[in-house]
Amino acid sequence: MHYNNVRFGIFTDLHLDIMHDGRARLNAFIDQMEKENVDFIIQLGDFCYPEDTSKCLCSEENLPVNLKNAMTTPIDVPKIELLEKFNHFSKPHYHVLGNHELDFCSKKQAMKLYGMENRFYSFTCKGWKFIVLDGNNFKTESGEFKDYYYGDYFDSKDLPYIDPEQMSWLEKELFSDEMPVVIFSHQPLNKSSRGIKNADELLDLFDNVNKNGKRVYLCINGHTHVDVYTECNGVGYYTLNSMSNHWIGKDFAKHRFSNEIESSFPNLQYTFPYKKPLYAVVELDSKRAYIKGKTGEFFEPGPVDMGCKQELSASICDREIIW
């Protein structure tokens, strides 16, 4: 079967409410994607806080420092202006819901800001089917599935999930035609420390879809701010690095910028920020995916300088994934 070549621009985890230079990062992406003449662009979540940061339902004992700071020091970022720039791109544009969109609002509010009709959906381009999933669901102690809502998910230990409603829709969507499929999500869809809890259920579905010939080729996610690729049962799982930083928390807190910047963006100190904005152009054809990334570096001091033992990268590597 012959598939047409598709090229798209992609980034994730911009975090406008953490980064002091988010405007420049998004502008660089949009300008480059216009030059690249891609078929569409997509962002994989954690773009910004859709609403004000005054209301959060997480208990005090589980409230992370980034949410505490957001509540005490509201950040004035031009999110409407920057979303309009993204949404007025000359080619189709798509959004994925991230978990941090839901720290201070509901899914409906986040979807309204982004212009999303549904939290999960599909679209086609040049004979390929692209599916967007919503991993922002947790399971209560009674076994009920619930949406992340005003940060309440920080009180749950049983997350994230692709919920049953979505799984049922996904199965029908995958068996509805013969098009090759790429799946986008915020959280990893494979078994991993921060991936979805029902990854085995999803893998079984992919196995059933692919048993008569390859259909599900690649799953692409953000969330973990690393650059990683793995395969399982013939399906590729690609974690795209953050546009902006690696969140590291209090253990390696460090002021790297002016007092004015640090006081306006108090969560910046808890990151290893990247000097350059990171994003990728992905090209798909019948034989492979080629990912053209960005080489970058950390603002000093970086992870190695500070004695961080994690293997972190401030780049998105070029990759060729053979089907």
Protein backbone atom coordinates (compact mmCIF):
# COMPACT_ATOMS: atom_id res chain seq x y z
CA MET A 1 0.00 0.00 0.00
CA HIS A 2 1.35 3.43 -0.94
CA TYR A 3 0.95 6.33 1.47
CA ASN A 4 1.47 9.93 0.54
CA ASN A 5 4.22 11.88 2.26
CA VAL A 6 2.99 14.04 5.14
CA ARG A 7 5.04 16.70 6.96
CA PHE A 8 3.94 18.36 10.18
CA GLY A 9 5.39 20.68 12.79
CA ILE A 10 5.15 19.70 16.44
CA PHE A 11 6.08 20.93 19.90
CA THR A 12 5.02 20.27 23.47
CA ASP A 13 5.20 21.68 27.01
CA LEU A 14 5.75 25.34 26.18
CA HIS A 15 4.64 26.31 29.73
CA LEU A 16 3.96 29.98 29.14
CA ASP A 17 3.28 30.42 32.86
CA ILE A 18 6.75 29.21 33.82
CA MET A 19 9.00 30.50 31.04
CA HIS A 20 9.88 34.19 30.78
CA ASP A 21 10.53 33.98 27.02
CA GLY A 22 7.56 31.93 25.84
CA ARG A 23 6.57 34.48 23.21
CA ALA A 24 9.96 34.24 21.48
CA ARG A 25 9.83 30.44 21.57
CA LEU A 26 6.40 30.23 19.97
CA ASN A 27 7.28 32.89 17.40
CA ALA A 28 10.37 30.91 16.39
CA PHE A 29 8.27 27.78 15.89
CA ILE A 30 5.58 29.51 13.84
CA ASP A 31 8.11 31.34 11.66
CA GLN A 32 10.03 28.15 10.95
CA MET A 33 6.90 26.13 10.16
CA GLU A 34 5.85 28.75 7.60
CA LYS A 35 9.25 28.34 5.94
CA GLU A 36 9.01 24.56 6.10
CA ASN A 37 5.56 24.65 4.43
CA VAL A 38 4.30 21.79 6.63
CA ASP A 39 0.87 20.24 6.10
CA PHE A 40 -0.27 21.03 9.67
CA ILE A 41 1.01 21.95 13.13
CA ILE A 42 0.14 20.43 16.50
CA GLN A 43 1.02 21.14 20.13
CA LEU A 44 0.88 18.30 22.66
CA GLY A 45 -0.30 20.15 25.78
CA ASP A 46 0.92 22.18 28.76
CA PHE A 47 0.77 25.30 26.60
CA CYS A 48 -0.58 27.62 29.32
CA TYR A 49 -3.07 27.96 32.17
CA PRO A 50 -6.37 28.66 30.38
CA GLU A 51 -7.96 30.56 33.30
CA ASP A 52 -6.78 32.60 36.28
CA THR A 53 -4.91 30.68 38.96
CA SER A 54 -7.03 31.55 41.98
CA LYS A 55 -8.98 28.29 42.39
CA CYS A 56 -7.43 24.87 42.93
CA LEU A 57 -9.12 21.85 44.56
CA CYS A 58 -5.94 19.99 45.46
CA SER A 59 -5.41 19.50 49.19
CA GLU A 60 -2.75 21.63 50.82
CA GLU A 61 -0.51 18.66 51.65
CA ASN A 62 -0.37 17.53 48.01
CA LEU A 63 -0.21 20.97 46.38
CA PRO A 64 2.98 21.16 44.26
CA VAL A 65 5.26 24.19 44.52
CA ASN A 66 4.49 25.30 40.95
CA LEU A 67 0.78 25.54 41.76
CA LYS A 68 1.46 27.31 45.04
CA ASN A 69 3.53 29.92 43.24
CA ALA A 70 0.95 30.31 40.51
CA MET A 71 -1.69 31.06 43.14
CA THR A 72 0.44 33.56 45.09
CA THR A 73 2.16 35.18 42.08
CA PRO A 74 -0.23 35.21 39.11
CA ILE A 75 1.71 35.51 35.86
CA ASP A 76 0.66 38.06 33.26
CA VAL A 77 1.45 36.32 29.96
CA PRO A 78 -0.09 37.16 26.55
CA LYS A 79 -1.70 33.73 26.19
CA ILE A 80 -4.66 34.94 24.11
CA GLU A 81 -2.37 36.72 21.68
CA LEU A 82 -0.07 33.72 21.38
CA LEU A 83 -2.91 31.22 21.02
CA GLU A 84 -4.36 33.37 18.26
CA LYS A 85 -0.99 33.30 16.51
CA PHE A 86 -0.97 29.50 16.72
CA ASN A 87 -4.62 29.21 15.68
CA HIS A 88 -4.18 31.57 12.73
CA PHE A 89 -1.36 29.55 11.20
CA SER A 90 -1.80 29.30 7.44
CA LYS A 91 -2.30 25.52 7.56
CA PRO A 92 -4.50 23.37 9.86
CA HIS A 93 -3.61 23.47 13.55
CA TYR A 94 -4.42 21.05 16.37
CA HIS A 95 -4.30 20.95 20.16
CA VAL A 96 -3.86 18.18 22.74
CA LEU A 97 -4.94 18.68 26.35
CA GLY A 98 -2.08 18.51 28.86
CA ASN A 99 -2.44 17.91 32.58
CA HIS A 100 -1.35 21.41 33.59
CA GLU A 101 -4.13 22.97 31.53
CA LEU A 102 -6.38 21.46 34.20
CA ASP A 103 -4.62 22.76 37.34
CA PHE A 104 -6.98 25.72 37.66
CA CYS A 105 -9.96 24.95 35.42
CA SER A 106 -12.14 22.24 33.85
CA LYS A 107 -11.66 20.47 30.54
CA LYS A 108 -14.56 22.42 29.08
CA GLN A 109 -12.87 25.70 29.94
CA ALA A 110 -9.54 24.59 28.49
CA MET A 111 -11.21 23.29 25.33
CA LYS A 112 -13.08 26.56 24.90
CA LEU A 113 -9.86 28.57 25.05
CA TYR A 114 -8.12 26.28 22.57
CA GLY A 115 -11.11 26.04 20.26
CA MET A 116 -11.37 22.26 20.67
CA GLU A 117 -14.77 20.71 19.99
CA ASN A 118 -13.84 17.41 21.65
CA ARG A 119 -11.21 16.24 24.14
CA PHE A 120 -10.34 13.32 21.82
CA TYR A 121 -10.78 13.31 18.06
CA SER A 122 -9.28 12.29 14.73
CA PHE A 123 -8.38 14.03 11.50
CA THR A 124 -6.92 12.92 8.18
CA CYS A 125 -4.18 14.31 5.97
CA LYS A 126 -2.97 12.87 2.67
CA GLY A 127 -4.25 9.37 3.37
CA TRP A 128 -3.02 9.19 6.97
CA LYS A 129 -5.27 9.16 10.02
CA PHE A 130 -4.15 11.12 13.07
CA ILE A 131 -5.80 10.46 16.42
CA VAL A 132 -5.66 12.79 19.45
CA LEU A 133 -6.24 11.20 22.87
CA ASP A 134 -6.93 12.64 26.33
CA GLY A 135 -4.95 10.99 29.12
CA ASN A 136 -6.11 13.41 31.80
CA ASN A 137 -8.30 10.98 33.71
CA PHE A 138 -7.90 9.34 37.11
CA LYS A 139 -9.65 6.50 38.91
CA THR A 140 -11.32 7.05 42.27
CA GLU A 141 -11.08 4.59 45.16
CA SER A 142 -14.50 3.27 44.13
CA GLY A 143 -13.25 2.61 40.59
CA GLU A 144 -14.99 5.54 38.90
CA PHE A 145 -13.15 7.40 36.15
CA LYS A 146 -13.01 11.18 36.56
CA ASP A 147 -11.65 14.10 34.56
CA TYR A 148 -8.81 16.14 35.97
CA TYR A 149 -10.59 19.18 37.42
CA TYR A 150 -9.07 22.25 39.08
CA GLY A 151 -5.95 20.36 40.12
CA ASP A 152 -7.82 17.64 42.02
CA TYR A 153 -5.75 14.95 40.31
CA PHE A 154 -2.75 15.75 42.54
CA ASP A 155 -4.67 14.02 45.34
CA SER A 156 -4.94 10.80 43.31
CA LYS A 157 -2.36 8.04 43.10
CA ASP A 158 -4.24 6.11 40.40
CA LEU A 159 -3.54 7.98 37.17
CA PRO A 160 -3.37 8.68 34.28
CA TYR A 161 -5.84 6.67 32.20
CA ILE A 162 -7.42 6.52 28.79
CA ASP A 163 -10.98 6.18 30.12
CA PRO A 164 -13.50 3.51 28.93
CA GLU A 165 -15.56 5.96 26.86
CA GLN A 166 -12.45 6.94 24.97
CA MET A 167 -11.21 3.35 24.60
CA SER A 168 -14.53 2.33 23.08
CA TRP A 169 -14.39 5.25 20.64
CA LEU A 170 -10.76 4.50 19.79
CA GLU A 171 -11.49 0.87 18.94
CA LYS A 172 -14.28 1.87 16.56
CA GLU A 173 -12.07 4.58 15.05
CA LEU A 174 -9.18 2.21 14.42
CA PHE A 175 -11.36 -0.45 12.77
CA SER A 176 -13.46 2.01 10.74
CA ASP A 177 -11.05 2.15 7.77
CA GLU A 178 -7.67 0.93 6.49
CA MET A 179 -5.69 4.15 6.78
CA PRO A 180 -2.29 4.15 8.50
CA VAL A 181 -2.47 5.71 11.97
CA VAL A 182 -0.37 8.04 14.12
CA ILE A 183 -1.59 8.80 17.65
CA PHE A 184 -0.91 11.97 19.65
CA SER A 185 -1.27 12.29 23.41
CA HIS A 186 0.22 14.32 26.25
CA GLN A 187 1.17 11.41 28.51
CA PRO A 188 3.15 8.39 27.22
CA LEU A 189 0.88 5.58 26.00
CA ASN A 190 3.37 2.79 26.72
CA LYS A 191 4.26 1.23 30.05
CA SER A 192 6.55 3.73 31.77
CA SER A 193 6.87 5.52 35.09
CA ARG A 194 4.64 8.42 34.02
CA GLY A 195 2.71 6.70 31.25
CA ILE A 196 -0.96 5.71 31.26
CA LYS A 197 -1.97 3.00 33.72
CA ASN A 198 -3.94 0.98 31.17
CA ALA A 199 -1.11 0.74 28.63
CA ASP A 200 -1.57 -3.05 28.40
CA GLU A 201 -5.19 -2.59 27.33
CA LEU A 202 -4.09 -0.17 24.64
CA LEU A 203 -1.32 -2.48 23.47
CA ASP A 204 -3.80 -5.36 23.12
CA LEU A 205 -5.98 -3.12 20.96
CA PHE A 206 -3.02 -2.16 18.77
CA ASP A 207 -2.08 -5.84 18.40
CA ASN A 208 -5.61 -6.65 17.20
CA VAL A 209 -5.58 -3.76 14.75
CA ASN A 210 -2.15 -4.71 13.38
CA LYS A 211 -2.55 -8.50 13.18
CA ASN A 212 -3.66 -8.40 9.52
CA GLY A 213 -1.10 -5.81 8.49
CA LYS A 214 0.48 -2.76 10.06
CA ARG A 215 -1.96 0.07 10.77
CA VAL A 216 -0.85 1.77 14.01
CA TYR A 217 2.64 3.03 13.27
CA LEU A 218 3.62 5.63 15.83
CA CYS A 219 2.46 7.20 19.12
CA ILE A 220 3.88 10.64 19.95
CA ASN A 221 3.63 12.27 23.41
CA GLY A 222 5.10 15.04 25.56
CA HIS A 223 4.78 15.43 29.35
CA THR A 224 8.10 14.03 30.60
CA HIS A 225 10.41 16.67 29.02
CA VAL A 226 12.85 14.09 27.62
CA ASP A 227 13.88 12.88 24.15
CA VAL A 228 13.18 9.12 24.03
CA TYR A 229 12.09 6.53 21.47
CA THR A 230 11.10 2.91 22.14
CA GLU A 231 9.17 0.19 20.31
CA CYS A 232 6.77 -2.50 21.50
CA ASN A 233 5.14 -5.12 19.27
CA GLY A 234 5.99 -3.10 16.19
CA VAL A 235 4.48 0.17 17.42
CA GLY A 236 6.81 3.12 17.96
CA TYR A 237 6.50 5.28 21.08
CA TYR A 238 8.19 8.65 20.78
CA THR A 239 8.45 11.16 23.63
CA LEU A 240 9.05 14.67 22.31
CA ASN A 241 11.20 16.92 24.47
CA SER A 242 9.71 20.11 25.91
CA MET A 243 9.87 23.35 23.96
CA SER A 244 11.29 25.08 27.04
CA ASN A 245 12.81 23.22 29.97
CA HIS A 246 13.14 20.17 32.16
CA TRP A 247 11.25 20.54 35.44
CA ILE A 248 13.56 19.41 38.25
CA GLY A 249 11.91 20.73 41.43
CA LYS A 250 13.34 22.04 44.68
CA ASP A 251 16.43 19.84 44.93
CA PHE A 252 18.23 21.75 42.17
CA ALA A 253 16.56 25.16 42.49
CA LYS A 254 18.73 27.90 41.02
CA HIS A 255 18.31 31.58 40.05
CA ARG A 256 19.84 32.11 36.61
CA PHE A 257 18.19 35.32 35.47
CA SER A 258 17.64 38.88 36.68
CA ASN A 259 15.76 39.61 39.90
CA GLU A 260 12.97 41.13 37.81
CA ILE A 261 12.53 37.97 35.73
CA GLU A 262 12.86 35.60 38.68
CA SER A 263 10.31 37.51 40.78
CA SER A 264 7.82 37.60 37.89
CA PHE A 265 8.35 33.92 37.03
CA PRO A 266 9.01 32.25 40.42
CA ASN A 267 8.83 28.70 39.03
CA LEU A 268 11.68 29.28 36.60
CA GLN A 269 14.18 28.44 39.37
CA TYR A 270 12.84 24.86 39.54
CA THR A 271 13.74 24.09 35.93
CA PHE A 272 16.78 23.40 33.82
CA PRO A 273 15.81 25.88 31.07
CA TYR A 274 16.85 25.40 27.45
CA LYS A 275 18.61 28.22 25.62
CA LYS A 276 16.83 27.48 22.33
CA PRO A 277 13.19 26.62 21.68
CA LEU A 278 12.84 22.94 20.82
CA TYR A 279 10.43 21.60 18.22
CA ALA A 280 10.46 19.16 15.33
CA VAL A 281 9.31 18.57 11.79
CA VAL A 282 8.07 15.01 11.25
CA GLU A 283 7.86 13.51 7.77
CA LEU A 284 5.96 10.27 7.21
CA ASP A 285 5.98 8.00 4.20
CA SER A 286 5.32 4.32 3.47
CA LYS A 287 8.77 3.23 4.68
CA ARG A 288 9.68 5.47 7.61
CA ALA A 289 9.26 8.52 9.79
CA TYR A 290 11.99 11.10 9.72
CA ILE A 291 12.17 13.51 12.65
CA LYS A 292 14.14 16.69 12.11
CA GLY A 293 14.84 18.09 15.57
CA LYS A 294 16.77 20.95 17.15
CA THR A 295 20.17 20.89 18.80
CA GLY A 296 20.32 23.03 21.92
CA GLU A 297 21.96 23.49 25.31
CA PHE A 298 21.03 24.35 28.88
CA PHE A 299 21.35 27.74 30.48
CA GLU A 300 24.25 27.46 32.90
CA PRO A 301 24.56 25.90 35.35
CA GLY A 302 23.14 22.81 33.66
CA PRO A 303 22.31 19.39 35.12
CA VAL A 304 25.88 18.07 35.02
CA ASP A 305 27.25 21.28 36.58
CA MET A 306 24.82 20.91 39.47
CA GLY A 307 25.46 17.22 40.06
CA CYS A 308 22.14 15.96 38.69
CA LYS A 309 22.48 12.26 37.90
CA GLN A 310 19.56 12.10 35.46
CA GLU A 311 20.48 11.87 31.78
CA LEU A 312 18.81 15.00 30.46
CA SER A 313 18.97 16.67 27.08
CA ALA A 314 18.33 20.21 25.86
CA SER A 315 17.86 18.93 22.30
CA ILE A 316 15.53 16.97 20.07
CA CYS A 317 17.65 14.48 18.14
CA ASP A 318 17.20 13.84 14.46
CA ARG A 319 15.72 10.35 14.09
CA GLU A 320 14.84 7.93 11.32
CA ILE A 321 12.26 5.34 12.32
CA ILE A 322 11.94 2.50 9.81
CA TRP A 323 8.54 0.80 9.67
